[in-house]
Amino acid sequence: MADHSTVRRVLAAVLLVVLLLLPLALNNYHQFVVNTMLVYCLIAIGFNIVIGYLGQLAFANAAFFGIGAYATGLSMVHFGLPYLPAALIGTLAGGLAGAIVGLPALRVKGYYLAIITLAVGELMRWVYVHADRVTFGPGGFKVPDVVLWGFTLADRQKYYLFLVMVILATLSTSLLLRSRFGRAFVAIRNNEVAAASLGIAVNRSKVVAFITSGLIVGLAGAMYAALNGRVSPDTFGLSQMLMHFAIVVIGGLGNLMGSIIGAILLTAAPELLRNFPGLEEIVFSLMLILVLFFIPKGLGGLVCDYFPSLRERLYREGKRDA
């Protein structure tokens, strides 16, 4: 056991060094793509909490993403807040949205919940477009530069800020999933009636899962606003929601590491295929079909099958009963 623990620590240290030195090997465009990967890692982790670990067909992820981005950008524009306090507001706004969206999950489930939560995303897009005095309407608005300790951050500096955010959010999520709340999520997913009979507070656990998901995806929205420098309604539509779903399914439902793998893969894929118009949709569709048929646990589950020690640490929380 000590040997395995030492190997894991060495691998973690090597990975950290690679992440810290990575910007030195990237040009400006590739740095932007890597920063985008970090944003989608948080999106996938937040979405996976609800759909993978809790097992609820809730598709308000794009709404949480947009709320986090708008709350952050508008706080900077209207109130002149620095980025970090504005990002905190965006994160909390996402968590509040998660709490509100989680309320229907106490009453309905399955396809009914899916329809309701999809409607929430479209409702928020309507608000972004028509509340133009606040949101600047369909054209969106420019987000002020990110200034930290008197320095305006370029993409390379944003990378390190985002990396810290992603590491902290991932570690916090891992701790949550290993706690009694995480075990409650999985129990509810496997059998809600049985979970309630065991004394698990089903309603409270559902609300906690939705709030956590909203917080994490709201933080991703705050990062997106800073990275893109502009926020507009067309970014947070149904296509964005489908992208989130594809990332989680291909990476692996109920698999924290799979969320990261899926986010990196599907964020990089459009860049690799951008010289082949129309091929991106075909590749995404084929990947979904192949994963659903041949790798039902996703790429993260496949990795865990080949490296059992990873399954013990990363996949145990989301492992379904046989």
Protein backbone atom coordinates (compact mmCIF):
# COMPACT_ATOMS: atom_id res chain seq x y z
CA MET A 1 0.00 0.00 0.00
CA ALA A 2 2.86 2.35 0.82
CA ASP A 3 4.35 1.78 -2.62
CA HIS A 4 1.08 2.63 -4.35
CA SER A 5 0.71 5.73 -2.18
CA THR A 6 4.25 6.85 -3.05
CA VAL A 7 3.64 6.32 -6.77
CA ARG A 8 0.45 8.37 -6.60
CA ARG A 9 2.23 11.22 -4.84
CA VAL A 10 5.04 11.18 -7.41
CA LEU A 11 2.57 11.16 -10.30
CA ALA A 12 0.60 14.01 -8.70
CA ALA A 13 3.80 16.03 -8.27
CA VAL A 14 4.85 15.41 -11.89
CA LEU A 15 1.40 16.40 -13.14
CA LEU A 16 1.50 19.60 -11.09
CA VAL A 17 4.92 20.52 -12.49
CA VAL A 18 3.68 19.88 -16.05
CA LEU A 19 0.62 22.07 -15.46
CA LEU A 20 2.73 24.89 -14.03
CA LEU A 21 5.20 24.81 -16.94
CA LEU A 22 2.63 24.23 -19.68
CA PRO A 23 2.18 27.93 -20.68
CA LEU A 24 5.87 28.12 -21.58
CA ALA A 25 5.23 25.74 -24.50
CA LEU A 26 2.05 27.42 -25.81
CA ASN A 27 1.36 30.30 -28.16
CA ASN A 28 -1.48 32.75 -27.46
CA TYR A 29 -4.10 30.77 -29.37
CA HIS A 30 -3.26 27.43 -27.78
CA GLN A 31 -3.19 29.12 -24.37
CA PHE A 32 -6.76 30.31 -24.97
CA VAL A 33 -7.81 26.75 -25.86
CA VAL A 34 -6.20 25.34 -22.70
CA ASN A 35 -7.93 28.00 -20.60
CA THR A 36 -11.22 26.99 -22.22
CA MET A 37 -10.52 23.38 -21.22
CA LEU A 38 -10.26 24.49 -17.60
CA VAL A 39 -13.64 26.22 -17.86
CA TYR A 40 -15.28 23.10 -19.27
CA CYS A 41 -13.68 20.89 -16.62
CA LEU A 42 -15.69 22.75 -13.99
CA ILE A 43 -18.82 22.68 -16.17
CA ALA A 44 -18.55 18.90 -16.49
CA ILE A 45 -17.85 18.35 -12.80
CA GLY A 46 -20.84 20.46 -11.77
CA PHE A 47 -23.17 18.79 -14.26
CA ASN A 48 -21.98 15.30 -13.30
CA ILE A 49 -22.96 15.86 -9.66
CA VAL A 50 -26.63 16.11 -10.64
CA ILE A 51 -26.90 13.82 -13.64
CA GLY A 52 -24.20 11.28 -12.78
CA TYR A 53 -24.02 10.99 -9.00
CA LEU A 54 -27.58 12.04 -8.09
CA GLY A 55 -29.09 10.43 -11.18
CA GLN A 56 -31.52 13.26 -11.99
CA LEU A 57 -32.38 14.18 -15.59
CA ALA A 58 -31.87 17.89 -14.98
CA PHE A 59 -30.64 20.03 -17.86
CA ALA A 60 -30.31 23.51 -16.35
CA ASN A 61 -26.52 23.45 -16.61
CA ALA A 62 -26.40 26.00 -19.41
CA ALA A 63 -28.63 28.26 -17.29
CA PHE A 64 -26.20 28.03 -14.33
CA PHE A 65 -23.33 28.74 -16.72
CA GLY A 66 -25.02 31.82 -18.15
CA ILE A 67 -26.10 33.13 -14.75
CA GLY A 68 -22.54 32.86 -13.45
CA ALA A 69 -21.14 34.64 -16.50
CA TYR A 70 -23.78 37.40 -16.52
CA ALA A 71 -23.65 37.99 -12.76
CA THR A 72 -19.87 38.30 -12.90
CA GLY A 73 -19.72 40.54 -15.97
CA LEU A 74 -22.61 42.79 -14.92
CA SER A 75 -21.14 43.21 -11.42
CA MET A 76 -17.96 44.51 -13.02
CA VAL A 77 -19.79 46.76 -15.51
CA HIS A 78 -22.56 48.21 -13.34
CA PHE A 79 -20.86 48.28 -9.94
CA GLY A 80 -17.22 48.57 -10.94
CA LEU A 81 -16.22 45.56 -8.85
CA PRO A 82 -12.81 43.92 -9.32
CA TYR A 83 -12.85 40.48 -10.89
CA LEU A 84 -12.47 38.30 -7.80
CA PRO A 85 -15.44 39.79 -5.86
CA ALA A 86 -17.47 39.73 -9.09
CA ALA A 87 -16.53 36.07 -9.64
CA LEU A 88 -17.70 35.32 -6.09
CA ILE A 89 -21.03 36.96 -6.90
CA GLY A 90 -21.29 34.91 -10.10
CA THR A 91 -20.53 31.71 -8.17
CA LEU A 92 -23.11 32.48 -5.50
CA ALA A 93 -25.67 33.44 -8.15
CA GLY A 94 -25.14 30.02 -9.75
CA GLY A 95 -25.63 28.35 -6.37
CA LEU A 96 -28.85 30.32 -5.77
CA ALA A 97 -30.10 29.29 -9.21
CA GLY A 98 -29.24 25.69 -8.32
CA ALA A 99 -31.32 25.92 -5.15
CA ILE A 100 -34.30 27.31 -7.09
CA VAL A 101 -34.02 24.76 -9.90
CA GLY A 102 -33.63 21.98 -7.34
CA LEU A 103 -37.09 22.65 -5.91
CA PRO A 104 -38.97 21.01 -8.84
CA ALA A 105 -36.76 17.93 -8.35
CA LEU A 106 -38.50 17.43 -5.01
CA ARG A 107 -41.80 16.96 -6.83
CA VAL A 108 -41.08 15.58 -10.29
CA LYS A 109 -38.45 13.36 -11.87
CA GLY A 110 -37.47 11.80 -15.18
CA TYR A 111 -38.63 13.42 -18.40
CA TYR A 112 -40.82 15.94 -16.58
CA LEU A 113 -37.81 17.29 -14.71
CA ALA A 114 -35.79 17.31 -17.93
CA ILE A 115 -38.42 19.45 -19.68
CA ILE A 116 -38.75 21.86 -16.75
CA THR A 117 -35.02 22.39 -16.42
CA LEU A 118 -34.57 22.84 -20.17
CA ALA A 119 -37.29 25.49 -20.01
CA VAL A 120 -35.32 27.29 -17.28
CA GLY A 121 -32.38 27.67 -19.65
CA GLU A 122 -34.57 29.09 -22.42
CA LEU A 123 -36.29 31.40 -19.92
CA MET A 124 -32.93 32.81 -18.86
CA ARG A 125 -32.00 33.44 -22.50
CA TRP A 126 -35.28 35.37 -22.89
CA VAL A 127 -34.36 37.45 -19.84
CA TYR A 128 -30.87 38.18 -21.22
CA VAL A 129 -32.37 39.39 -24.50
CA HIS A 130 -35.29 41.44 -23.19
CA ALA A 131 -33.92 42.91 -19.96
CA ASP A 132 -31.70 45.09 -22.11
CA ARG A 133 -31.40 47.94 -19.60
CA VAL A 134 -29.50 45.57 -17.34
CA THR A 135 -28.15 42.84 -19.64
CA PHE A 136 -27.53 45.01 -22.77
CA GLY A 137 -29.90 42.92 -24.87
CA PRO A 138 -29.18 40.40 -27.64
CA GLY A 139 -25.80 41.90 -28.52
CA GLY A 140 -24.40 41.26 -25.07
CA PHE A 141 -21.68 43.38 -23.52
CA LYS A 142 -17.92 43.63 -23.14
CA VAL A 143 -16.45 42.47 -19.85
CA PRO A 144 -13.79 44.77 -18.35
CA ASP A 145 -10.21 43.53 -18.19
CA VAL A 146 -9.26 41.30 -15.30
CA VAL A 147 -7.02 43.29 -12.98
CA LEU A 148 -5.34 41.60 -10.04
CA TRP A 149 -3.13 43.50 -7.60
CA GLY A 150 -2.78 46.32 -10.11
CA PHE A 151 -1.81 44.10 -13.05
CA THR A 152 -4.01 43.42 -16.07
CA LEU A 153 -4.00 39.68 -16.67
CA ALA A 154 -3.31 38.24 -20.11
CA ASP A 155 -4.37 34.70 -21.01
CA ARG A 156 -1.18 33.20 -19.58
CA GLN A 157 -1.76 34.85 -16.21
CA LYS A 158 -5.45 33.91 -16.30
CA TYR A 159 -4.38 30.30 -16.77
CA TYR A 160 -2.74 30.17 -13.35
CA LEU A 161 -5.73 31.87 -11.71
CA PHE A 162 -8.11 29.42 -13.41
CA LEU A 163 -5.88 26.47 -12.53
CA VAL A 164 -6.08 27.35 -8.84
CA MET A 165 -9.86 27.69 -9.10
CA VAL A 166 -10.23 24.32 -10.85
CA ILE A 167 -7.94 22.50 -8.40
CA LEU A 168 -9.77 23.93 -5.37
CA ALA A 169 -13.20 23.18 -6.85
CA THR A 170 -12.18 19.64 -7.83
CA LEU A 171 -10.72 18.85 -4.41
CA SER A 172 -13.79 20.30 -2.69
CA THR A 173 -16.07 18.21 -4.90
CA SER A 174 -14.05 15.08 -4.22
CA LEU A 175 -14.35 15.68 -0.46
CA LEU A 176 -18.10 16.24 -0.80
CA LEU A 177 -18.55 13.02 -2.78
CA ARG A 178 -16.63 11.08 -0.13
CA SER A 179 -18.79 12.54 2.63
CA ARG A 180 -22.20 11.34 3.77
CA PHE A 181 -23.77 13.71 1.24
CA GLY A 182 -21.92 12.02 -1.61
CA ARG A 183 -22.96 8.59 -0.38
CA ALA A 184 -26.53 9.88 -0.11
CA PHE A 185 -26.42 11.10 -3.73
CA VAL A 186 -25.43 7.64 -4.96
CA ALA A 187 -28.01 5.91 -2.76
CA ILE A 188 -30.77 8.16 -4.12
CA ARG A 189 -29.63 7.49 -7.67
CA ASN A 190 -29.67 3.74 -7.18
CA ASN A 191 -33.03 3.58 -5.38
CA GLU A 192 -34.72 6.64 -3.96
CA VAL A 193 -37.33 4.68 -1.96
CA ALA A 194 -34.68 2.44 -0.43
CA ALA A 195 -32.54 5.48 0.43
CA ALA A 196 -35.46 7.10 2.24
CA SER A 197 -36.16 3.86 4.14
CA LEU A 198 -32.56 3.92 5.39
CA GLY A 199 -33.09 7.34 6.93
CA ILE A 200 -31.43 9.41 4.22
CA ALA A 201 -32.91 12.91 3.93
CA VAL A 202 -33.73 12.63 0.23
CA ASN A 203 -35.07 16.16 -0.30
CA ARG A 204 -32.22 17.81 1.54
CA SER A 205 -29.64 15.75 -0.35
CA LYS A 206 -31.19 16.70 -3.69
CA VAL A 207 -31.13 20.40 -2.84
CA VAL A 208 -27.50 20.15 -1.68
CA ALA A 209 -26.55 18.46 -4.97
CA PHE A 210 -28.25 21.15 -7.06
CA ILE A 211 -26.73 23.97 -5.02
CA THR A 212 -23.25 22.45 -5.32
CA SER A 213 -23.72 21.96 -9.06
CA GLY A 214 -24.88 25.57 -9.43
CA LEU A 215 -21.91 26.89 -7.45
CA ILE A 216 -19.35 24.99 -9.53
CA VAL A 217 -20.93 25.79 -12.90
CA GLY A 218 -21.49 29.41 -11.79
CA LEU A 219 -17.74 29.63 -11.10
CA ALA A 220 -17.14 28.23 -14.59
CA GLY A 221 -19.35 31.01 -15.94
CA ALA A 222 -17.30 33.58 -14.03
CA MET A 223 -14.14 32.14 -15.59
CA TYR A 224 -15.74 32.17 -19.04
CA ALA A 225 -16.66 35.86 -18.73
CA ALA A 226 -13.07 36.73 -17.85
CA LEU A 227 -11.60 34.53 -20.57
CA ASN A 228 -13.84 35.56 -23.45
CA GLY A 229 -14.06 39.22 -22.56
CA ARG A 230 -17.65 39.31 -23.78
CA VAL A 231 -20.96 37.82 -22.65
CA SER A 232 -23.97 37.39 -24.96
CA PRO A 233 -27.19 35.32 -24.85
CA ASP A 234 -26.44 33.10 -27.84
CA THR A 235 -23.61 31.41 -25.93
CA PHE A 236 -25.96 29.77 -23.42
CA GLY A 237 -28.50 28.06 -25.64
CA LEU A 238 -29.49 24.47 -26.31
CA SER A 239 -26.30 23.71 -28.25
CA GLN A 240 -24.29 24.60 -25.15
CA MET A 241 -26.42 22.21 -23.09
CA LEU A 242 -25.87 19.41 -25.62
CA MET A 243 -22.14 20.03 -25.44
CA HIS A 244 -22.22 19.65 -21.66
CA PHE A 245 -24.21 16.43 -21.94
CA ALA A 246 -21.80 14.96 -24.50
CA ILE A 247 -18.81 15.78 -22.30
CA VAL A 248 -20.28 14.03 -19.27
CA VAL A 249 -21.52 10.95 -21.15
CA ILE A 250 -18.27 10.43 -23.04
CA GLY A 251 -16.17 11.10 -19.95
CA GLY A 252 -18.31 8.89 -17.73
CA LEU A 253 -21.44 9.42 -15.64
CA GLY A 254 -20.68 9.39 -11.93
CA ASN A 255 -16.94 9.67 -12.51
CA LEU A 256 -15.04 12.74 -11.40
CA MET A 257 -11.94 11.95 -13.43
CA GLY A 258 -14.14 11.16 -16.44
CA SER A 259 -15.57 14.69 -16.29
CA ILE A 260 -12.08 16.11 -16.72
CA ILE A 261 -11.17 13.66 -19.49
CA GLY A 262 -14.37 14.41 -21.39
CA ALA A 263 -13.93 18.17 -21.01
CA ILE A 264 -10.37 18.10 -22.33
CA LEU A 265 -11.21 15.78 -25.22
CA LEU A 266 -14.33 17.55 -26.45
CA THR A 267 -12.82 21.01 -26.05
CA ALA A 268 -9.77 20.00 -28.07
CA ALA A 269 -11.77 18.17 -30.77
CA PRO A 270 -13.27 21.28 -32.42
CA GLU A 271 -9.80 22.78 -32.72
CA LEU A 272 -8.47 19.62 -34.38
CA LEU A 273 -11.44 19.50 -36.77
CA ARG A 274 -11.88 23.19 -37.57
CA ASN A 275 -10.34 22.74 -41.02
CA PHE A 276 -13.03 20.17 -41.86
CA PRO A 277 -16.43 21.95 -41.88
CA GLY A 278 -19.32 19.77 -40.79
CA LEU A 279 -17.09 16.98 -39.51
CA GLU A 280 -17.24 18.10 -35.87
CA GLU A 281 -20.92 17.15 -35.46
CA ILE A 282 -20.34 13.78 -37.12
CA VAL A 283 -17.37 12.97 -34.87
CA PHE A 284 -19.27 14.00 -31.73
CA SER A 285 -22.24 11.83 -32.72
CA LEU A 286 -20.04 8.82 -33.47
CA MET A 287 -18.20 9.22 -30.18
CA LEU A 288 -21.48 9.30 -28.26
CA ILE A 289 -22.79 6.20 -30.05
CA LEU A 290 -19.54 4.26 -29.56
CA VAL A 291 -19.33 5.17 -25.88
CA LEU A 292 -22.97 4.32 -25.18
CA PHE A 293 -22.71 0.95 -26.90
CA PHE A 294 -19.19 -0.19 -26.07
CA ILE A 295 -18.00 1.85 -23.06
CA PRO A 296 -21.13 2.51 -20.97
CA LYS A 297 -19.03 3.73 -18.02
CA GLY A 298 -17.31 6.29 -20.27
CA LEU A 299 -13.64 6.93 -20.83
CA GLY A 300 -13.06 7.60 -17.15
CA GLY A 301 -14.53 4.22 -16.27
CA LEU A 302 -12.33 2.59 -18.92
CA VAL A 303 -9.22 4.14 -17.36
CA CYS A 304 -10.31 2.96 -13.91
CA ASP A 305 -10.78 -0.58 -15.23
CA TYR A 306 -7.15 -0.64 -16.36
CA PHE A 307 -5.85 1.07 -13.20
CA PRO A 308 -7.80 -0.34 -10.22
CA SER A 309 -6.06 1.96 -7.75
CA LEU A 310 -7.70 4.91 -9.50
CA ARG A 311 -11.05 3.21 -9.18
CA GLU A 312 -10.57 3.00 -5.41
CA ARG A 313 -9.88 6.71 -5.11
CA LEU A 314 -11.84 8.34 -7.91
CA TYR A 315 -14.52 6.01 -9.11
CA ARG A 316 -15.76 4.48 -5.89
CA GLU A 317 -18.07 7.42 -5.15
CA GLY A 318 -19.96 7.02 -8.41
CA LYS A 319 -19.83 3.27 -8.82
CA ARG A 320 -23.23 1.81 -9.52
CA ASP A 321 -24.36 -1.36 -7.85
CA ALA A 322 -24.02 -4.40 -10.06
